[in-house]
Amino acid sequence: MTVRYLWTLERHGHPALIGLDTGEDLISILRSQNLSGVMPADWIFAALHFDAGNAGVAIHDSMLGWTRTAKRLQADQ
């Protein structure tokens, strides 16, 4: 089974980025973006695993004008 994450990255003045990727790919994508004032990409991704309500959703809002939302999806491959 492969776990994929449906995610969006919204930044003021930039088009929204949307994807459906594995955890490793999501971390690579976050690292490739210029997100000033954000915690390391692997920490953001780890927030999905600390979801107390087990909804599989992590949202990170920055005071610097961007929002990143990720939702855990599961699919058999």
Protein backbone atom coordinates (compact mmCIF):
# COMPACT_ATOMS: atom_id res chain seq x y z
CA MET A 1 0.00 0.00 0.00
CA THR A 2 1.24 3.46 -0.88
CA VAL A 3 0.16 6.45 1.21
CA ARG A 4 -0.20 9.67 -0.74
CA TYR A 5 -1.01 13.16 0.48
CA LEU A 6 -3.31 15.61 -1.25
CA TRP A 7 -1.81 19.03 -0.60
CA THR A 8 -2.09 22.70 -1.51
CA LEU A 9 0.38 25.52 -1.04
CA GLU A 10 -1.04 29.03 -1.30
CA ARG A 11 1.16 32.13 -1.26
CA HIS A 12 0.16 35.75 -1.73
CA GLY A 13 1.18 36.85 -5.21
CA HIS A 14 1.82 33.29 -6.47
CA PRO A 15 -0.45 30.74 -8.13
CA ALA A 16 -1.59 27.94 -5.81
CA LEU A 17 0.34 24.68 -6.07
CA ILE A 18 -1.69 21.48 -5.72
CA GLY A 19 -0.46 17.90 -5.71
CA LEU A 20 -0.99 14.28 -4.78
CA ASP A 21 2.35 12.85 -3.69
CA THR A 22 4.11 10.40 -1.40
CA GLY A 23 5.59 11.71 1.83
CA GLU A 24 9.13 11.76 0.42
CA ASP A 25 7.98 13.66 -2.66
CA LEU A 26 6.02 16.16 -0.55
CA ILE A 27 9.08 16.86 1.61
CA SER A 28 11.19 17.42 -1.53
CA ILE A 29 8.60 19.80 -2.97
CA LEU A 30 8.38 21.81 0.26
CA ARG A 31 12.18 22.04 0.43
CA SER A 32 12.29 23.36 -3.15
CA GLN A 33 9.98 26.30 -2.35
CA ASN A 34 11.16 29.61 -0.93
CA LEU A 35 9.07 29.59 2.26
CA SER A 36 10.65 32.15 4.54
CA GLY A 37 9.90 31.78 8.24
CA VAL A 38 8.76 28.16 8.00
CA MET A 39 9.88 25.15 9.98
CA PRO A 40 11.87 22.47 8.11
CA ALA A 41 9.86 20.49 5.55
CA ASP A 42 10.22 17.20 7.40
CA TRP A 43 8.77 18.84 10.54
CA ILE A 44 5.76 20.08 8.56
CA PHE A 45 5.24 16.60 7.16
CA ALA A 46 5.60 15.07 10.64
CA ALA A 47 2.61 17.16 11.78
CA LEU A 48 0.42 14.82 9.72
CA HIS A 49 1.47 11.98 12.00
CA PHE A 50 0.68 13.93 15.19
CA ASP A 51 -2.95 14.48 14.23
CA ALA A 52 -4.82 13.91 17.50
CA GLY A 53 -8.23 13.71 15.81
CA ASN A 54 -6.89 11.21 13.28
CA ALA A 55 -8.40 13.26 10.44
CA GLY A 56 -5.11 13.17 8.53
CA VAL A 57 -5.13 16.92 7.91
CA ALA A 58 -2.30 19.33 8.65
CA ILE A 59 -2.60 23.07 8.02
CA HIS A 60 0.26 25.52 8.41
CA ASP A 61 -0.52 29.24 8.19
CA SER A 62 2.33 31.72 8.04
CA MET A 63 2.15 35.36 9.04
CA LEU A 64 4.29 35.93 5.93
CA GLY A 65 1.34 35.40 3.59
CA TRP A 66 1.18 31.70 2.73
CA THR A 67 -0.86 28.67 3.78
CA ARG A 68 -0.05 24.99 3.24
CA THR A 69 -2.69 22.28 3.68
CA ALA A 70 -2.06 18.55 3.39
CA LYS A 71 -4.47 15.64 3.79
CA ARG A 72 -3.48 11.99 4.09
CA LEU A 73 -5.01 9.63 1.51
CA GLN A 74 -4.48 5.88 1.25
CA ALA A 75 -4.54 3.83 -1.92
CA ASP A 76 -3.54 0.27 -2.74
CA GLN A 77 -0.97 -0.17 -5.46
